[in-house]
Amino acid sequence: MSSPVNILLLPLPSYDELLDQYPGFFDCFVDANEAAQILGSTPGSLAQHRNNGTGPDYYKDGASVRYQRRDLIDYMRSKRVKIVSAA
């Protein structure tokens, strides 16, 4: 019996490689539940961000709230903190 492949050991594709392989993937819209999963957050936290004007860009049609995957990735990238080592 062969052992299962540990997916954590597989190399992850870069952002640009994903864009090349799945060009429309990041343009798709997701609901608040999937957006929260992508961000490692909760739908309630996203609602607070919407109310405060501090979260990722979103689209609203009546009561329906949608996020574009590209906006979620861009939002995450904007929160990157660079560590500067003291020399």
Protein backbone atom coordinates (compact mmCIF):
# COMPACT_ATOMS: atom_id res chain seq x y z
CA MET A 1 0.00 0.00 0.00
CA SER A 2 1.46 3.35 -1.00
CA SER A 3 1.55 6.22 1.45
CA PRO A 4 -0.53 9.33 0.74
CA VAL A 5 1.20 12.42 -0.63
CA ASN A 6 1.58 15.16 1.93
CA ILE A 7 0.08 18.14 0.11
CA LEU A 8 2.00 20.52 2.38
CA LEU A 9 5.25 19.33 0.81
CA LEU A 10 4.13 20.11 -2.75
CA PRO A 11 5.39 23.42 -4.16
CA LEU A 12 2.70 26.07 -4.28
CA PRO A 13 2.25 27.98 -7.51
CA SER A 14 3.03 31.68 -7.46
CA TYR A 15 0.32 34.30 -7.83
CA ASP A 16 1.42 34.93 -11.42
CA GLU A 17 1.39 31.20 -12.23
CA LEU A 18 -2.15 30.93 -10.91
CA LEU A 19 -3.19 33.89 -13.05
CA ASP A 20 -1.67 32.22 -16.11
CA GLN A 21 -3.31 28.84 -15.40
CA TYR A 22 -6.72 30.15 -14.35
CA PRO A 23 -7.14 33.61 -15.87
CA GLY A 24 -10.77 34.08 -14.82
CA PHE A 25 -10.43 32.59 -11.34
CA PHE A 26 -9.52 35.84 -9.61
CA ASP A 27 -12.23 37.80 -11.44
CA CYS A 28 -15.03 35.62 -10.02
CA PHE A 29 -17.24 36.90 -7.24
CA VAL A 30 -17.76 35.10 -3.93
CA ASP A 31 -20.15 35.62 -1.06
CA ALA A 32 -19.13 36.80 2.40
CA ASN A 33 -18.73 33.24 3.70
CA GLU A 34 -16.18 32.28 1.03
CA ALA A 35 -14.49 35.68 1.30
CA ALA A 36 -14.08 35.13 5.05
CA GLN A 37 -12.52 31.71 4.40
CA ILE A 38 -10.08 33.22 1.90
CA LEU A 39 -9.06 35.89 4.40
CA GLY A 40 -9.01 33.56 7.41
CA SER A 41 -11.71 35.68 9.01
CA THR A 42 -15.43 35.44 9.76
CA PRO A 43 -18.45 36.85 7.91
CA GLY A 44 -19.21 38.93 11.00
CA SER A 45 -15.75 40.46 10.95
CA LEU A 46 -16.18 41.32 7.27
CA ALA A 47 -19.52 42.97 8.09
CA GLN A 48 -17.78 45.10 10.73
CA HIS A 49 -15.12 46.07 8.20
CA ARG A 50 -17.84 47.07 5.71
CA ASN A 51 -19.55 49.21 8.36
CA ASN A 52 -16.23 50.85 9.31
CA GLY A 53 -15.06 51.28 5.73
CA THR A 54 -11.82 49.44 6.54
CA GLY A 55 -12.10 46.10 4.76
CA PRO A 56 -11.62 44.88 1.22
CA ASP A 57 -13.61 46.36 -1.64
CA TYR A 58 -17.02 44.77 -2.10
CA TYR A 59 -20.07 44.94 -4.32
CA LYS A 60 -23.61 45.29 -3.03
CA ASP A 61 -26.86 44.62 -4.86
CA GLY A 62 -29.74 45.02 -2.46
CA ALA A 63 -28.99 42.79 0.50
CA SER A 64 -26.49 40.70 -1.45
CA VAL A 65 -22.80 41.38 -0.77
CA ARG A 66 -20.12 39.96 -3.06
CA TYR A 67 -16.35 40.18 -3.13
CA GLN A 68 -14.10 39.72 -6.13
CA ARG A 69 -11.31 37.26 -5.40
CA ARG A 70 -8.75 39.64 -6.91
CA ASP A 71 -9.80 42.37 -4.45
CA LEU A 72 -9.42 39.96 -1.53
CA ILE A 73 -5.89 39.01 -2.59
CA ASP A 74 -4.98 42.67 -3.14
CA TYR A 75 -6.37 43.52 0.30
CA MET A 76 -4.28 40.79 1.92
CA ARG A 77 -1.18 41.96 0.05
CA SER A 78 -1.78 45.54 1.25
CA LYS A 79 -1.58 44.31 4.87
CA ARG A 80 1.86 42.82 4.44
CA VAL A 81 4.32 43.94 7.11
CA LYS A 82 7.99 44.09 6.21
CA ILE A 83 10.33 43.01 8.98
CA VAL A 84 13.46 45.10 9.17
CA SER A 85 16.19 43.51 11.20
CA ALA A 86 18.19 45.75 13.49
CA ALA A 87 21.85 45.62 12.48
